[in-house]
Amino acid sequence: MACPNPTPTLVLFGPSDHVIYPDFDRMAAAVFPNHAGPFLLRDCGHFVQWEAAHALNSAVTAWCGDLLAGRRRQ
C-alpha cells in the first residue's frame, strides 16, 4: 500500500465503476487520512462527471467552499 498522503482529499465514487478496485473506498481512506467521505453515488460508474454531474458539482462546490468564499471577498 502507498504511504499516507496528507493532501486534503474528497473521496467520491460510483459503485458501478468496473475500473477501480472493489476496496477503493477503504484504500483511498487509508492513503488519504485527511479525507472527506467516501461518498458513494448510487447508479453511477466510472464517469461521475457525466453520470452524476449535479452531485459531483455540488460536492466539489461544498468541498471548496472556503476557497470560493475567499475569492468572493477579494
N, C-alpha and C. Protein backbone atom coordinates (compact mmCIF):
# COMPACT_ATOMS: atom_id res chain seq x y z
N MET A 1 0.85 -1.18 0.00
CA MET A 1 0.00 0.00 0.00
C MET A 1 0.89 1.24 0.00
N ALA A 2 0.43 2.27 -0.64
CA ALA A 2 1.18 3.53 -0.72
C ALA A 2 1.27 4.19 0.65
N CYS A 3 2.26 5.04 0.81
CA CYS A 3 2.42 5.80 2.04
C CYS A 3 1.29 6.80 2.16
N PRO A 4 0.83 7.09 3.39
CA PRO A 4 -0.22 8.08 3.56
C PRO A 4 0.17 9.43 2.96
N ASN A 5 -0.78 10.07 2.33
CA ASN A 5 -0.59 11.37 1.69
C ASN A 5 -1.43 12.39 2.47
N PRO A 6 -0.82 13.45 3.01
CA PRO A 6 -1.56 14.39 3.84
C PRO A 6 -2.45 15.37 3.07
N THR A 7 -2.49 15.30 1.76
CA THR A 7 -3.29 16.22 0.97
C THR A 7 -4.77 16.08 1.29
N PRO A 8 -5.49 17.17 1.61
CA PRO A 8 -6.93 17.07 1.82
C PRO A 8 -7.59 16.54 0.54
N THR A 9 -8.44 15.53 0.70
CA THR A 9 -8.97 14.81 -0.45
C THR A 9 -10.46 14.53 -0.28
N LEU A 10 -11.20 14.74 -1.35
CA LEU A 10 -12.62 14.40 -1.41
C LEU A 10 -12.73 13.05 -2.10
N VAL A 11 -13.27 12.05 -1.42
CA VAL A 11 -13.41 10.71 -1.98
C VAL A 11 -14.88 10.52 -2.37
N LEU A 12 -15.12 10.47 -3.67
CA LEU A 12 -16.47 10.41 -4.24
C LEU A 12 -16.40 9.43 -5.40
N PHE A 13 -17.25 8.42 -5.41
CA PHE A 13 -17.15 7.41 -6.47
C PHE A 13 -18.49 6.73 -6.73
N GLY A 14 -18.55 6.04 -7.86
CA GLY A 14 -19.73 5.26 -8.22
C GLY A 14 -19.46 3.77 -8.03
N PRO A 15 -20.37 3.05 -7.41
CA PRO A 15 -20.15 1.62 -7.16
C PRO A 15 -20.19 0.77 -8.42
N SER A 16 -20.70 1.31 -9.51
CA SER A 16 -20.77 0.55 -10.76
C SER A 16 -19.50 0.73 -11.60
N ASP A 17 -18.48 1.34 -11.02
CA ASP A 17 -17.20 1.54 -11.72
C ASP A 17 -16.46 0.21 -11.76
N HIS A 18 -16.19 -0.29 -12.95
CA HIS A 18 -15.50 -1.57 -13.10
C HIS A 18 -14.02 -1.37 -13.36
N VAL A 19 -13.54 -0.13 -13.23
CA VAL A 19 -12.13 0.17 -13.44
C VAL A 19 -11.37 0.17 -12.11
N ILE A 20 -12.00 0.68 -11.06
CA ILE A 20 -11.34 0.77 -9.77
C ILE A 20 -11.50 -0.55 -9.00
N TYR A 21 -10.65 -0.73 -8.00
CA TYR A 21 -10.71 -1.93 -7.16
C TYR A 21 -11.98 -1.92 -6.32
N PRO A 22 -12.50 -3.10 -6.00
CA PRO A 22 -13.70 -3.17 -5.15
C PRO A 22 -13.50 -2.51 -3.78
N ASP A 23 -12.27 -2.50 -3.27
CA ASP A 23 -11.98 -1.88 -1.98
C ASP A 23 -11.50 -0.44 -2.11
N PHE A 24 -11.85 0.21 -3.21
CA PHE A 24 -11.37 1.57 -3.46
C PHE A 24 -11.63 2.51 -2.30
N ASP A 25 -12.82 2.47 -1.74
CA ASP A 25 -13.16 3.41 -0.66
C ASP A 25 -12.25 3.23 0.54
N ARG A 26 -11.99 1.99 0.92
CA ARG A 26 -11.10 1.74 2.06
C ARG A 26 -9.65 2.07 1.73
N MET A 27 -9.24 1.77 0.50
CA MET A 27 -7.87 2.09 0.08
C MET A 27 -7.65 3.60 0.07
N ALA A 28 -8.61 4.34 -0.48
CA ALA A 28 -8.49 5.80 -0.54
C ALA A 28 -8.45 6.39 0.87
N ALA A 29 -9.28 5.89 1.77
CA ALA A 29 -9.31 6.39 3.14
C ALA A 29 -7.97 6.13 3.84
N ALA A 30 -7.32 5.02 3.53
CA ALA A 30 -6.03 4.70 4.15
C ALA A 30 -4.91 5.56 3.57
N VAL A 31 -4.94 5.78 2.26
CA VAL A 31 -3.87 6.54 1.61
C VAL A 31 -4.03 8.04 1.87
N PHE A 32 -5.26 8.52 1.98
CA PHE A 32 -5.52 9.94 2.23
C PHE A 32 -6.21 10.09 3.59
N PRO A 33 -5.44 10.09 4.68
CA PRO A 33 -6.07 10.16 6.01
C PRO A 33 -6.83 11.46 6.26
N ASN A 34 -6.50 12.52 5.54
CA ASN A 34 -7.20 13.80 5.68
C ASN A 34 -8.24 13.90 4.56
N HIS A 35 -9.26 13.03 4.65
CA HIS A 35 -10.24 12.94 3.58
C HIS A 35 -11.66 13.23 4.08
N ALA A 36 -12.50 13.59 3.15
CA ALA A 36 -13.94 13.69 3.39
C ALA A 36 -14.57 12.57 2.57
N GLY A 37 -15.46 11.85 3.18
CA GLY A 37 -16.06 10.71 2.51
C GLY A 37 -15.50 9.42 3.08
N PRO A 38 -15.63 8.37 2.37
CA PRO A 38 -16.04 8.26 0.98
C PRO A 38 -17.55 8.43 0.80
N PHE A 39 -17.90 9.06 -0.29
CA PHE A 39 -19.29 9.27 -0.66
C PHE A 39 -19.59 8.41 -1.88
N LEU A 40 -20.58 7.57 -1.74
CA LEU A 40 -20.98 6.64 -2.78
C LEU A 40 -22.15 7.22 -3.57
N LEU A 41 -22.01 7.30 -4.88
CA LEU A 41 -23.08 7.80 -5.73
C LEU A 41 -23.78 6.62 -6.38
N ARG A 42 -24.96 6.32 -5.93
CA ARG A 42 -25.72 5.16 -6.45
C ARG A 42 -25.96 5.29 -7.95
N ASP A 43 -26.03 4.15 -8.61
CA ASP A 43 -26.30 4.08 -10.06
C ASP A 43 -25.29 4.89 -10.87
N CYS A 44 -24.07 4.91 -10.40
CA CYS A 44 -23.03 5.67 -11.08
C CYS A 44 -21.82 4.78 -11.27
N GLY A 45 -21.12 4.99 -12.38
CA GLY A 45 -19.95 4.19 -12.69
C GLY A 45 -18.69 5.02 -12.72
N HIS A 46 -17.86 4.79 -13.72
CA HIS A 46 -16.53 5.40 -13.80
C HIS A 46 -16.57 6.90 -14.13
N PHE A 47 -17.55 7.33 -14.90
CA PHE A 47 -17.59 8.72 -15.34
C PHE A 47 -18.56 9.54 -14.49
N VAL A 48 -18.16 9.77 -13.25
CA VAL A 48 -19.00 10.51 -12.30
C VAL A 48 -19.39 11.87 -12.86
N GLN A 49 -18.45 12.53 -13.54
CA GLN A 49 -18.72 13.87 -14.06
C GLN A 49 -19.83 13.88 -15.10
N TRP A 50 -20.09 12.75 -15.76
CA TRP A 50 -21.19 12.66 -16.74
C TRP A 50 -22.44 12.04 -16.12
N GLU A 51 -22.23 10.99 -15.35
CA GLU A 51 -23.35 10.21 -14.83
C GLU A 51 -24.03 10.86 -13.63
N ALA A 52 -23.30 11.67 -12.90
CA ALA A 52 -23.86 12.32 -11.72
C ALA A 52 -23.29 13.73 -11.60
N ALA A 53 -23.40 14.48 -12.68
CA ALA A 53 -22.78 15.82 -12.74
C ALA A 53 -23.25 16.73 -11.61
N HIS A 54 -24.54 16.73 -11.33
CA HIS A 54 -25.04 17.62 -10.29
C HIS A 54 -24.45 17.25 -8.92
N ALA A 55 -24.41 15.96 -8.62
CA ALA A 55 -23.85 15.52 -7.34
C ALA A 55 -22.36 15.87 -7.25
N LEU A 56 -21.62 15.65 -8.32
CA LEU A 56 -20.20 15.98 -8.33
C LEU A 56 -20.00 17.48 -8.15
N ASN A 57 -20.71 18.29 -8.93
CA ASN A 57 -20.55 19.74 -8.84
C ASN A 57 -20.92 20.26 -7.45
N SER A 58 -21.98 19.72 -6.87
CA SER A 58 -22.39 20.13 -5.53
C SER A 58 -21.34 19.75 -4.50
N ALA A 59 -20.79 18.56 -4.62
CA ALA A 59 -19.77 18.09 -3.67
C ALA A 59 -18.50 18.92 -3.78
N VAL A 60 -18.06 19.19 -4.99
CA VAL A 60 -16.83 19.98 -5.18
C VAL A 60 -17.05 21.41 -4.71
N THR A 61 -18.21 21.98 -4.97
CA THR A 61 -18.52 23.34 -4.51
C THR A 61 -18.50 23.40 -2.98
N ALA A 62 -19.09 22.41 -2.33
CA ALA A 62 -19.09 22.37 -0.86
C ALA A 62 -17.68 22.15 -0.33
N TRP A 63 -16.94 21.24 -0.95
CA TRP A 63 -15.57 20.92 -0.52
C TRP A 63 -14.66 22.14 -0.66
N CYS A 64 -14.85 22.91 -1.70
CA CYS A 64 -14.01 24.09 -1.97
C CYS A 64 -14.65 25.37 -1.48
N GLY A 65 -15.69 25.28 -0.69
CA GLY A 65 -16.43 26.46 -0.25
C GLY A 65 -15.57 27.52 0.39
N ASP A 66 -14.60 27.12 1.20
CA ASP A 66 -13.74 28.11 1.85
C ASP A 66 -12.89 28.84 0.82
N LEU A 67 -12.43 28.14 -0.21
CA LEU A 67 -11.65 28.78 -1.26
C LEU A 67 -12.52 29.75 -2.05
N LEU A 68 -13.74 29.33 -2.37
CA LEU A 68 -14.65 30.18 -3.13
C LEU A 68 -15.05 31.42 -2.32
N ALA A 69 -15.26 31.25 -1.02
CA ALA A 69 -15.64 32.38 -0.17
C ALA A 69 -14.51 33.40 -0.12
N GLY A 70 -13.28 32.93 -0.03
CA GLY A 70 -12.12 33.83 -0.01
C GLY A 70 -11.99 34.62 -1.29
N ARG A 71 -12.30 34.00 -2.40
CA ARG A 71 -12.20 34.66 -3.70
C ARG A 71 -13.27 35.75 -3.80
N ARG A 72 -14.46 35.50 -3.28
CA ARG A 72 -15.55 36.48 -3.37
C ARG A 72 -15.25 37.72 -2.55
N ARG A 73 -14.50 37.57 -1.45
CA ARG A 73 -14.20 38.69 -0.57
C ARG A 73 -13.15 39.62 -1.16
N GLN A 74 -12.36 39.14 -2.08
CA GLN A 74 -11.26 39.96 -2.63
C GLN A 74 -11.77 40.98 -3.60
